[in-house]
Amino acid sequence: MTIIGVQPRQTLALLRGLVPETPLLPQDIYNQTSLFRRDIRQGYSATEALIQHLQTSGIMHHILKDPDSSRLKALFIACPESIQYLQSHHDVLLIDNTYSTNRFNMPLMDIIGVDHNNRSFFIAFAFLPDQTEGSYRWALAQMKTIFNLIHPTIGLIPGSISTDCDSALRNAISTVFPESATLLCLWHANKNIQQHCKGKFTSAEAYNEFFQVWQGIVQSPDIPEYWKRLRQFLSKYSDTLEHKECALYVRTTWLKPGRAEALVQAWTNKYPHFGTTVTSR
């Protein structure tokens, strides 16, 4: 039952249903489960067993160890099938980070590709020690190794890389892939605007209108039209202090120099992204 993912408490409930007088306690089930898992790993720790599996199965991986303690600090993994598919679909990368979702509390970087049918596919992931620019550079350097491996003679790079607004990650991308366009995830921008602004409008209809005007700015087809729509937006939402605060937030947070070019279609459509404007797919 452990192999198929049944939790110890569920195992105990099943046993008590079959044998109500069973003397087993929850800790007994947890102890037996731990012994079983240790037997499967042949006495290795979970981390040691994973590394051994990667080494014996031929899965591409890179390990970063602490120079003093030799403890594992970071782990990068890419499956052979993903690398093979990347050879034909290397134009667009999406990078999405999750935090505090594993028992080691290590940030997890997911690297996703988008094929020519606009379908996403998994490329690689990395467990990192922290969210610093140095850790991101290490993971991205392993990703660059893959690009060099699949096309060693032409210096292949992704056309665009989409991320959230994590400045450490975006700086690392600029260092490792300086010729790739670094785009911003529109979903993250929309979510932050909603959190900051929705409560400042008197009705859902009023906020939805504000949001649609914002979307119109993002969808500006050229730079003159962008400036025209932005001016109209700032003028329209200067009628109350709350509305003016929201317009200023959008202008200074999401449409400031460097971010507008990574969000607005007048600039982003110069790069291959297949219409992909979010990192969560």
C-alpha atoms as a PDB file:
ATOM      1  CA  MET A   1       0.000   0.000   0.000  1.00  0.00           C
ATOM      2  CA  THR A   2       2.943   2.305   0.620  1.00  0.00           C
ATOM      3  CA  ILE A   3       4.098   1.818  -2.982  1.00  0.00           C
ATOM      4  CA  ILE A   4       0.788   3.064  -4.402  1.00  0.00           C
ATOM      5  CA  GLY A   5       0.769   6.096  -2.115  1.00  0.00           C
ATOM      6  CA  VAL A   6      -1.659   5.058   0.606  1.00  0.00           C
ATOM      7  CA  GLN A   7      -1.053   7.124   3.741  1.00  0.00           C
ATOM      8  CA  PRO A   8      -0.315   5.306   7.046  1.00  0.00           C
ATOM      9  CA  ARG A   9      -3.479   6.658   8.676  1.00  0.00           C
ATOM     10  CA  GLN A  10      -5.529   5.262   5.783  1.00  0.00           C
ATOM     11  CA  THR A  11      -3.795   1.904   6.157  1.00  0.00           C
ATOM     12  CA  LEU A  12      -4.635   1.822   9.861  1.00  0.00           C
ATOM     13  CA  ALA A  13      -8.270   2.739   9.192  1.00  0.00           C
ATOM     14  CA  LEU A  14      -8.520  -0.129   6.706  1.00  0.00           C
ATOM     15  CA  LEU A  15      -6.964  -2.602   9.144  1.00  0.00           C
ATOM     16  CA  ARG A  16      -9.307  -1.526  11.940  1.00  0.00           C
ATOM     17  CA  GLY A  17     -12.235  -1.975   9.584  1.00  0.00           C
ATOM     18  CA  LEU A  18     -11.134  -5.535   8.841  1.00  0.00           C
ATOM     19  CA  VAL A  19      -9.933  -6.392  12.359  1.00  0.00           C
ATOM     20  CA  PRO A  20     -11.568  -4.021  14.889  1.00  0.00           C
ATOM     21  CA  GLU A  21      -9.592  -5.453  17.815  1.00  0.00           C
ATOM     22  CA  THR A  22      -6.195  -4.808  16.173  1.00  0.00           C
ATOM     23  CA  PRO A  23      -3.666  -3.552  18.766  1.00  0.00           C
ATOM     24  CA  LEU A  24      -1.760  -1.480  16.198  1.00  0.00           C
ATOM     25  CA  LEU A  25      -1.223   2.203  16.872  1.00  0.00           C
ATOM     26  CA  PRO A  26      -0.565   4.944  14.276  1.00  0.00           C
ATOM     27  CA  GLN A  27       3.125   5.025  15.216  1.00  0.00           C
ATOM     28  CA  ASP A  28       3.394   1.301  14.452  1.00  0.00           C
ATOM     29  CA  ILE A  29       2.261   1.935  10.882  1.00  0.00           C
ATOM     30  CA  TYR A  30       4.652   4.881  10.489  1.00  0.00           C
ATOM     31  CA  ASN A  31       7.548   2.771  11.798  1.00  0.00           C
ATOM     32  CA  GLN A  32       6.813  -0.095   9.426  1.00  0.00           C
ATOM     33  CA  THR A  33       6.445   2.318   6.524  1.00  0.00           C
ATOM     34  CA  SER A  34       9.838   3.840   7.295  1.00  0.00           C
ATOM     35  CA  LEU A  35      11.457   0.400   7.459  1.00  0.00           C
ATOM     36  CA  PHE A  36       9.863  -0.585   4.162  1.00  0.00           C
ATOM     37  CA  ARG A  37      11.069   2.557   2.436  1.00  0.00           C
ATOM     38  CA  ARG A  38      14.556   2.085   3.853  1.00  0.00           C
ATOM     39  CA  ASP A  39      14.605  -1.469   2.486  1.00  0.00           C
ATOM     40  CA  ILE A  40      13.567  -0.217  -0.953  1.00  0.00           C
ATOM     41  CA  ARG A  41      16.399   2.328  -0.858  1.00  0.00           C
ATOM     42  CA  GLN A  42      18.812  -0.425   0.251  1.00  0.00           C
ATOM     43  CA  GLY A  43      19.836   1.549   3.315  1.00  0.00           C
ATOM     44  CA  TYR A  44      20.479   4.806   1.498  1.00  0.00           C
ATOM     45  CA  SER A  45      18.911   8.091   2.529  1.00  0.00           C
ATOM     46  CA  ALA A  46      16.246   9.482   0.211  1.00  0.00           C
ATOM     47  CA  THR A  47      18.735  11.906  -1.335  1.00  0.00           C
ATOM     48  CA  GLU A  48      21.439   9.251  -1.778  1.00  0.00           C
ATOM     49  CA  ALA A  49      18.927   6.881  -3.372  1.00  0.00           C
ATOM     50  CA  LEU A  50      17.810   9.569  -5.814  1.00  0.00           C
ATOM     51  CA  ILE A  51      21.387  10.385  -6.850  1.00  0.00           C
ATOM     52  CA  GLN A  52      22.170   6.689  -7.343  1.00  0.00           C
ATOM     53  CA  HIS A  53      19.062   6.309  -9.504  1.00  0.00           C
ATOM     54  CA  LEU A  54      20.021   9.298 -11.650  1.00  0.00           C
ATOM     55  CA  GLN A  55      23.525   7.952 -12.135  1.00  0.00           C
ATOM     56  CA  THR A  56      22.439   4.447 -13.094  1.00  0.00           C
ATOM     57  CA  SER A  57      19.542   5.504 -15.351  1.00  0.00           C
ATOM     58  CA  GLY A  58      21.515   7.909 -17.512  1.00  0.00           C
ATOM     59  CA  ILE A  59      19.344  10.922 -16.711  1.00  0.00           C
ATOM     60  CA  MET A  60      21.214  14.202 -17.175  1.00  0.00           C
ATOM     61  CA  HIS A  61      21.801  15.866 -13.845  1.00  0.00           C
ATOM     62  CA  HIS A  62      24.197  18.258 -12.161  1.00  0.00           C
ATOM     63  CA  ILE A  63      24.952  18.436  -8.452  1.00  0.00           C
ATOM     64  CA  LEU A  64      26.219  21.386  -6.454  1.00  0.00           C
ATOM     65  CA  LYS A  65      27.767  20.461  -3.109  1.00  0.00           C
ATOM     66  CA  ASP A  66      28.823  22.550  -0.162  1.00  0.00           C
ATOM     67  CA  PRO A  67      32.646  22.659  -0.329  1.00  0.00           C
ATOM     68  CA  ASP A  68      32.989  22.379   3.450  1.00  0.00           C
ATOM     69  CA  SER A  69      30.434  19.717   4.394  1.00  0.00           C
ATOM     70  CA  SER A  70      30.004  17.986   0.995  1.00  0.00           C
ATOM     71  CA  ARG A  71      26.244  18.194   1.567  1.00  0.00           C
ATOM     72  CA  LEU A  72      24.059  18.604  -1.482  1.00  0.00           C
ATOM     73  CA  LYS A  73      23.174  22.264  -2.063  1.00  0.00           C
ATOM     74  CA  ALA A  74      21.445  22.143  -5.447  1.00  0.00           C
ATOM     75  CA  LEU A  75      20.295  19.565  -7.972  1.00  0.00           C
ATOM     76  CA  PHE A  76      19.461  20.064 -11.656  1.00  0.00           C
ATOM     77  CA  ILE A  77      17.635  17.307 -13.598  1.00  0.00           C
ATOM     78  CA  ALA A  78      16.650  17.044 -17.279  1.00  0.00           C
ATOM     79  CA  CYS A  79      15.175  13.888 -18.830  1.00  0.00           C
ATOM     80  CA  PRO A  80      16.555  12.597 -22.173  1.00  0.00           C
ATOM     81  CA  GLU A  81      13.133  12.750 -23.850  1.00  0.00           C
ATOM     82  CA  SER A  82      12.822  16.424 -22.939  1.00  0.00           C
ATOM     83  CA  ILE A  83      16.259  17.231 -24.328  1.00  0.00           C
ATOM     84  CA  GLN A  84      15.428  15.440 -27.569  1.00  0.00           C
ATOM     85  CA  TYR A  85      12.161  17.373 -27.978  1.00  0.00           C
ATOM     86  CA  LEU A  86      13.949  20.631 -27.193  1.00  0.00           C
ATOM     87  CA  GLN A  87      16.085  20.197 -30.302  1.00  0.00           C
ATOM     88  CA  SER A  88      13.078  21.070 -32.481  1.00  0.00           C
ATOM     89  CA  HIS A  89      11.279  23.416 -30.088  1.00  0.00           C
ATOM     90  CA  HIS A  90      13.852  25.704 -28.505  1.00  0.00           C
ATOM     91  CA  ASP A  91      12.493  29.179 -29.222  1.00  0.00           C
ATOM     92  CA  VAL A  92      10.486  29.803 -26.035  1.00  0.00           C
ATOM     93  CA  LEU A  93      11.301  29.059 -22.405  1.00  0.00           C
ATOM     94  CA  LEU A  94       9.072  29.647 -19.388  1.00  0.00           C
ATOM     95  CA  ILE A  95      10.580  29.693 -15.905  1.00  0.00           C
ATOM     96  CA  ASP A  96       8.335  29.336 -12.887  1.00  0.00           C
ATOM     97  CA  ASN A  97       9.575  29.109  -9.301  1.00  0.00           C
ATOM     98  CA  THR A  98       7.749  27.595  -6.349  1.00  0.00           C
ATOM     99  CA  TYR A  99       8.747  27.990  -2.731  1.00  0.00           C
ATOM    100  CA  SER A 100       8.296  25.957   0.482  1.00  0.00           C
ATOM    101  CA  THR A 101       6.503  23.117  -1.293  1.00  0.00           C
ATOM    102  CA  ASN A 102       8.861  20.272  -0.342  1.00  0.00           C
ATOM    103  CA  ARG A 103      10.074  18.935   2.977  1.00  0.00           C
ATOM    104  CA  PHE A 104      13.550  20.381   2.423  1.00  0.00           C
ATOM    105  CA  ASN A 105      12.096  23.901   1.928  1.00  0.00           C
ATOM    106  CA  MET A 106      14.235  24.300  -1.178  1.00  0.00           C
ATOM    107  CA  PRO A 107      13.046  26.623  -3.954  1.00  0.00           C
ATOM    108  CA  LEU A 108      12.086  24.629  -7.051  1.00  0.00           C
ATOM    109  CA  MET A 109      12.750  26.090 -10.499  1.00  0.00           C
ATOM    110  CA  ASP A 110      10.646  24.615 -13.310  1.00  0.00           C
ATOM    111  CA  ILE A 111      11.857  25.185 -16.862  1.00  0.00           C
ATOM    112  CA  ILE A 112       9.150  24.685 -19.494  1.00  0.00           C
ATOM    113  CA  GLY A 113       9.261  24.808 -23.281  1.00  0.00           C
ATOM    114  CA  VAL A 114       6.543  25.672 -25.797  1.00  0.00           C
ATOM    115  CA  ASP A 115       6.343  23.736 -29.059  1.00  0.00           C
ATOM    116  CA  HIS A 116       5.162  25.016 -32.439  1.00  0.00           C
ATOM    117  CA  ASN A 117       1.591  23.930 -31.667  1.00  0.00           C
ATOM    118  CA  ASN A 118       1.617  26.145 -28.542  1.00  0.00           C
ATOM    119  CA  ARG A 119       1.729  23.121 -26.251  1.00  0.00           C
ATOM    120  CA  SER A 120       3.960  23.284 -23.211  1.00  0.00           C
ATOM    121  CA  PHE A 121       6.435  20.527 -22.389  1.00  0.00           C
ATOM    122  CA  PHE A 122       8.627  19.935 -19.389  1.00  0.00           C
ATOM    123  CA  ILE A 123      12.371  20.442 -19.945  1.00  0.00           C
ATOM    124  CA  ALA A 124      14.131  20.480 -16.588  1.00  0.00           C
ATOM    125  CA  PHE A 125      13.874  21.425 -12.950  1.00  0.00           C
ATOM    126  CA  ALA A 126      16.289  22.449 -10.239  1.00  0.00           C
ATOM    127  CA  PHE A 127      16.192  22.333  -6.459  1.00  0.00           C
ATOM    128  CA  LEU A 128      18.098  25.392  -5.270  1.00  0.00           C
ATOM    129  CA  PRO A 129      19.504  26.436  -1.880  1.00  0.00           C
ATOM    130  CA  ASP A 130      17.999  29.925  -2.034  1.00  0.00           C
ATOM    131  CA  GLN A 131      16.523  32.599  -4.291  1.00  0.00           C
ATOM    132  CA  THR A 132      19.719  34.520  -4.952  1.00  0.00           C
ATOM    133  CA  GLU A 133      21.094  35.563  -8.303  1.00  0.00           C
ATOM    134  CA  GLY A 134      24.046  33.192  -7.840  1.00  0.00           C
ATOM    135  CA  SER A 135      21.803  30.154  -7.384  1.00  0.00           C
ATOM    136  CA  TYR A 136      19.729  31.105 -10.416  1.00  0.00           C
ATOM    137  CA  ARG A 137      22.892  31.583 -12.481  1.00  0.00           C
ATOM    138  CA  TRP A 138      24.043  28.080 -11.548  1.00  0.00           C
ATOM    139  CA  ALA A 139      20.758  26.503 -12.703  1.00  0.00           C
ATOM    140  CA  LEU A 140      20.645  28.542 -15.904  1.00  0.00           C
ATOM    141  CA  ALA A 141      24.258  27.609 -16.677  1.00  0.00           C
ATOM    142  CA  GLN A 142      23.182  23.945 -16.645  1.00  0.00           C
ATOM    143  CA  MET A 143      20.351  24.853 -19.020  1.00  0.00           C
ATOM    144  CA  LYS A 144      22.827  26.571 -21.317  1.00  0.00           C
ATOM    145  CA  THR A 145      24.907  23.393 -21.275  1.00  0.00           C
ATOM    146  CA  ILE A 146      21.893  21.577 -22.730  1.00  0.00           C
ATOM    147  CA  PHE A 147      21.557  24.147 -25.522  1.00  0.00           C
ATOM    148  CA  ASN A 148      25.252  23.756 -26.315  1.00  0.00           C
ATOM    149  CA  LEU A 149      24.801  19.992 -26.328  1.00  0.00           C
ATOM    150  CA  ILE A 150      21.908  19.840 -28.785  1.00  0.00           C
ATOM    151  CA  HIS A 151      23.455  22.310 -31.269  1.00  0.00           C
ATOM    152  CA  PRO A 152      27.152  22.685 -30.400  1.00  0.00           C
ATOM    153  CA  THR A 153      28.198  24.445 -33.610  1.00  0.00           C
ATOM    154  CA  ILE A 154      25.668  27.275 -33.956  1.00  0.00           C
ATOM    155  CA  GLY A 155      25.468  28.641 -30.423  1.00  0.00           C
ATOM    156  CA  LEU A 156      21.737  28.061 -30.067  1.00  0.00           C
ATOM    157  CA  ILE A 157      19.814  30.195 -27.559  1.00  0.00           C
ATOM    158  CA  PRO A 158      16.114  30.618 -26.717  1.00  0.00           C
ATOM    159  CA  GLY A 159      14.421  33.494 -28.513  1.00  0.00           C
ATOM    160  CA  SER A 160      12.509  34.548 -25.398  1.00  0.00           C
ATOM    161  CA  ILE A 161      12.367  33.602 -21.732  1.00  0.00           C
ATOM    162  CA  SER A 162       9.281  34.486 -19.689  1.00  0.00           C
ATOM    163  CA  THR A 163       9.412  34.811 -15.889  1.00  0.00           C
ATOM    164  CA  ASP A 164       7.766  36.602 -13.011  1.00  0.00           C
ATOM    165  CA  CYS A 165       9.281  39.885 -11.793  1.00  0.00           C
ATOM    166  CA  ASP A 166      11.925  38.295  -9.532  1.00  0.00           C
ATOM    167  CA  SER A 167      14.818  40.692 -10.145  1.00  0.00           C
ATOM    168  CA  ALA A 168      17.475  38.165  -9.081  1.00  0.00           C
ATOM    169  CA  LEU A 169      16.208  35.649 -11.641  1.00  0.00           C
ATOM    170  CA  ARG A 170      15.908  38.234 -14.399  1.00  0.00           C
ATOM    171  CA  ASN A 171      19.448  39.478 -13.715  1.00  0.00           C
ATOM    172  CA  ALA A 172      20.712  35.896 -13.886  1.00  0.00           C
ATOM    173  CA  ILE A 173      18.987  35.374 -17.231  1.00  0.00           C
ATOM    174  CA  SER A 174      20.590  38.537 -18.595  1.00  0.00           C
ATOM    175  CA  THR A 175      23.984  37.182 -17.566  1.00  0.00           C
ATOM    176  CA  VAL A 176      23.637  33.610 -18.845  1.00  0.00           C
ATOM    177  CA  PHE A 177      21.432  34.305 -21.907  1.00  0.00           C
ATOM    178  CA  PRO A 178      22.234  37.957 -22.721  1.00  0.00           C
ATOM    179  CA  GLU A 179      20.888  37.717 -26.285  1.00  0.00           C
ATOM    180  CA  SER A 180      17.503  36.237 -25.310  1.00  0.00           C
ATOM    181  CA  ALA A 181      14.536  38.537 -24.707  1.00  0.00           C
ATOM    182  CA  THR A 182      13.393  38.382 -21.075  1.00  0.00           C
ATOM    183  CA  LEU A 183       9.615  38.809 -20.954  1.00  0.00           C
ATOM    184  CA  LEU A 184       7.304  39.246 -17.969  1.00  0.00           C
ATOM    185  CA  CYS A 185       4.456  36.913 -17.059  1.00  0.00           C
ATOM    186  CA  LEU A 186       1.188  38.794 -17.638  1.00  0.00           C
ATOM    187  CA  TRP A 187      -0.642  36.551 -15.165  1.00  0.00           C
ATOM    188  CA  HIS A 188       1.568  37.750 -12.308  1.00  0.00           C
ATOM    189  CA  ALA A 189       1.042  41.389 -13.336  1.00  0.00           C
ATOM    190  CA  ASN A 190      -2.736  40.923 -13.552  1.00  0.00           C
ATOM    191  CA  LYS A 191      -2.869  39.228 -10.166  1.00  0.00           C
ATOM    192  CA  ASN A 192      -0.897  41.978  -8.460  1.00  0.00           C
ATOM    193  CA  ILE A 193      -2.988  44.707 -10.055  1.00  0.00           C
ATOM    194  CA  GLN A 194      -6.158  42.977  -8.882  1.00  0.00           C
ATOM    195  CA  GLN A 195      -4.838  42.667  -5.325  1.00  0.00           C
ATOM    196  CA  HIS A 196      -3.760  46.301  -5.230  1.00  0.00           C
ATOM    197  CA  CYS A 197      -6.648  47.960  -7.051  1.00  0.00           C
ATOM    198  CA  LYS A 198      -9.889  45.969  -6.994  1.00  0.00           C
ATOM    199  CA  GLY A 199     -10.887  47.094  -3.510  1.00  0.00           C
ATOM    200  CA  LYS A 200     -10.548  50.747  -4.511  1.00  0.00           C
ATOM    201  CA  PHE A 201     -13.481  50.566  -6.936  1.00  0.00           C
ATOM    202  CA  THR A 202     -17.097  50.868  -5.845  1.00  0.00           C
ATOM    203  CA  SER A 203     -18.357  47.986  -8.003  1.00  0.00           C
ATOM    204  CA  ALA A 204     -17.127  44.934  -9.877  1.00  0.00           C
ATOM    205  CA  GLU A 205     -18.255  46.556 -13.136  1.00  0.00           C
ATOM    206  CA  ALA A 206     -16.121  49.642 -12.497  1.00  0.00           C
ATOM    207  CA  TYR A 207     -13.050  47.545 -11.716  1.00  0.00           C
ATOM    208  CA  ASN A 208     -13.628  45.324 -14.775  1.00  0.00           C
ATOM    209  CA  GLU A 209     -13.684  48.430 -16.969  1.00  0.00           C
ATOM    210  CA  PHE A 210     -10.405  49.584 -15.391  1.00  0.00           C
ATOM    211  CA  PHE A 211      -8.902  46.154 -15.983  1.00  0.00           C
ATOM    212  CA  GLN A 212      -9.994  46.117 -19.639  1.00  0.00           C
ATOM    213  CA  VAL A 213      -8.344  49.487 -20.215  1.00  0.00           C
ATOM    214  CA  TRP A 214      -5.162  48.061 -18.681  1.00  0.00           C
ATOM    215  CA  GLN A 215      -5.391  45.053 -21.018  1.00  0.00           C
ATOM    216  CA  GLY A 216      -5.797  47.425 -23.949  1.00  0.00           C
ATOM    217  CA  ILE A 217      -2.523  49.107 -23.016  1.00  0.00           C
ATOM    218  CA  VAL A 218      -0.760  45.715 -22.892  1.00  0.00           C
ATOM    219  CA  GLN A 219      -2.184  44.849 -26.321  1.00  0.00           C
ATOM    220  CA  SER A 220      -0.983  48.074 -27.965  1.00  0.00           C
ATOM    221  CA  PRO A 221       0.152  47.095 -31.488  1.00  0.00           C
ATOM    222  CA  ASP A 222       2.872  49.756 -31.768  1.00  0.00           C
ATOM    223  CA  ILE A 223       4.732  52.255 -29.611  1.00  0.00           C
ATOM    224  CA  PRO A 224       2.798  55.420 -30.615  1.00  0.00           C
ATOM    225  CA  GLU A 225      -0.469  53.626 -29.848  1.00  0.00           C
ATOM    226  CA  TYR A 226       0.941  52.532 -26.501  1.00  0.00           C
ATOM    227  CA  TRP A 227       1.679  56.111 -25.469  1.00  0.00           C
ATOM    228  CA  LYS A 228      -1.740  57.236 -26.690  1.00  0.00           C
ATOM    229  CA  ARG A 229      -3.557  54.554 -24.664  1.00  0.00           C
ATOM    230  CA  LEU A 230      -1.414  55.210 -21.601  1.00  0.00           C
ATOM    231  CA  ARG A 231      -2.206  58.946 -21.667  1.00  0.00           C
ATOM    232  CA  GLN A 232      -5.918  58.196 -22.000  1.00  0.00           C
ATOM    233  CA  PHE A 233      -5.691  55.735 -19.104  1.00  0.00           C
ATOM    234  CA  LEU A 234      -3.961  58.217 -16.785  1.00  0.00           C
ATOM    235  CA  SER A 235      -6.464  60.933 -17.687  1.00  0.00           C
ATOM    236  CA  LYS A 236      -9.512  58.710 -17.276  1.00  0.00           C
ATOM    237  CA  TYR A 237      -8.474  57.476 -13.841  1.00  0.00           C
ATOM    238  CA  SER A 238      -7.530  60.808 -12.288  1.00  0.00           C
ATOM    239  CA  ASP A 239     -11.120  61.536 -11.175  1.00  0.00           C
ATOM    240  CA  THR A 240     -10.756  60.284  -7.574  1.00  0.00           C
ATOM    241  CA  LEU A 241      -7.831  59.823  -5.208  1.00  0.00           C
ATOM    242  CA  GLU A 242      -8.342  56.040  -5.147  1.00  0.00           C
ATOM    243  CA  HIS A 243      -8.479  55.762  -8.949  1.00  0.00           C
ATOM    244  CA  LYS A 244      -5.456  58.010  -9.335  1.00  0.00           C
ATOM    245  CA  GLU A 245      -3.551  55.809  -6.884  1.00  0.00           C
ATOM    246  CA  CYS A 246      -4.384  52.711  -8.973  1.00  0.00           C
ATOM    247  CA  ALA A 247      -3.354  54.358 -12.236  1.00  0.00           C
ATOM    248  CA  LEU A 248      -0.102  55.531 -10.645  1.00  0.00           C
ATOM    249  CA  TYR A 249       0.547  51.994  -9.334  1.00  0.00           C
ATOM    250  CA  VAL A 250       0.157  50.542 -12.827  1.00  0.00           C
ATOM    251  CA  ARG A 251       2.325  53.258 -14.356  1.00  0.00           C
ATOM    252  CA  THR A 252       5.180  53.139 -11.849  1.00  0.00           C
ATOM    253  CA  THR A 253       5.173  49.388 -11.114  1.00  0.00           C
ATOM    254  CA  TRP A 254       4.253  47.594 -14.333  1.00  0.00           C
ATOM    255  CA  LEU A 255       4.825  50.183 -17.045  1.00  0.00           C
ATOM    256  CA  LYS A 256       8.073  51.643 -15.794  1.00  0.00           C
ATOM    257  CA  PRO A 257      11.112  51.489 -18.124  1.00  0.00           C
ATOM    258  CA  GLY A 258      12.311  47.904 -18.471  1.00  0.00           C
ATOM    259  CA  ARG A 259       8.981  46.343 -17.501  1.00  0.00           C
ATOM    260  CA  ALA A 260       6.778  47.937 -20.153  1.00  0.00           C
ATOM    261  CA  GLU A 261       9.099  46.537 -22.824  1.00  0.00           C
ATOM    262  CA  ALA A 262       8.717  43.073 -21.270  1.00  0.00           C
ATOM    263  CA  LEU A 263       4.886  43.210 -21.110  1.00  0.00           C
ATOM    264  CA  VAL A 264       3.455  45.377 -23.891  1.00  0.00           C
ATOM    265  CA  GLN A 265       2.936  43.734 -27.259  1.00  0.00           C
ATOM    266  CA  ALA A 266       4.392  46.726 -29.112  1.00  0.00           C
ATOM    267  CA  TRP A 267       7.753  45.435 -27.861  1.00  0.00           C
ATOM    268  CA  THR A 268       7.203  41.758 -26.996  1.00  0.00           C
ATOM    269  CA  ASN A 269       5.874  40.873 -30.460  1.00  0.00           C
ATOM    270  CA  LYS A 270       9.333  41.559 -31.844  1.00  0.00           C
ATOM    271  CA  TYR A 271      10.421  38.256 -30.280  1.00  0.00           C
ATOM    272  CA  PRO A 272       9.178  34.672 -30.694  1.00  0.00           C
ATOM    273  CA  HIS A 273       6.763  33.769 -27.907  1.00  0.00           C
ATOM    274  CA  PHE A 274       3.888  32.039 -29.786  1.00  0.00           C
ATOM    275  CA  GLY A 275       1.362  34.148 -27.907  1.00  0.00           C
ATOM    276  CA  THR A 276       2.508  32.738 -24.588  1.00  0.00           C
ATOM    277  CA  THR A 277       2.221  35.529 -22.030  1.00  0.00           C
ATOM    278  CA  VAL A 278       2.046  33.525 -18.786  1.00  0.00           C
ATOM    279  CA  THR A 279       4.425  31.112 -17.051  1.00  0.00           C
ATOM    280  CA  SER A 280       1.624  29.079 -15.413  1.00  0.00           C
ATOM    281  CA  ARG A 281       0.273  26.674 -18.038  1.00  0.00           C
END
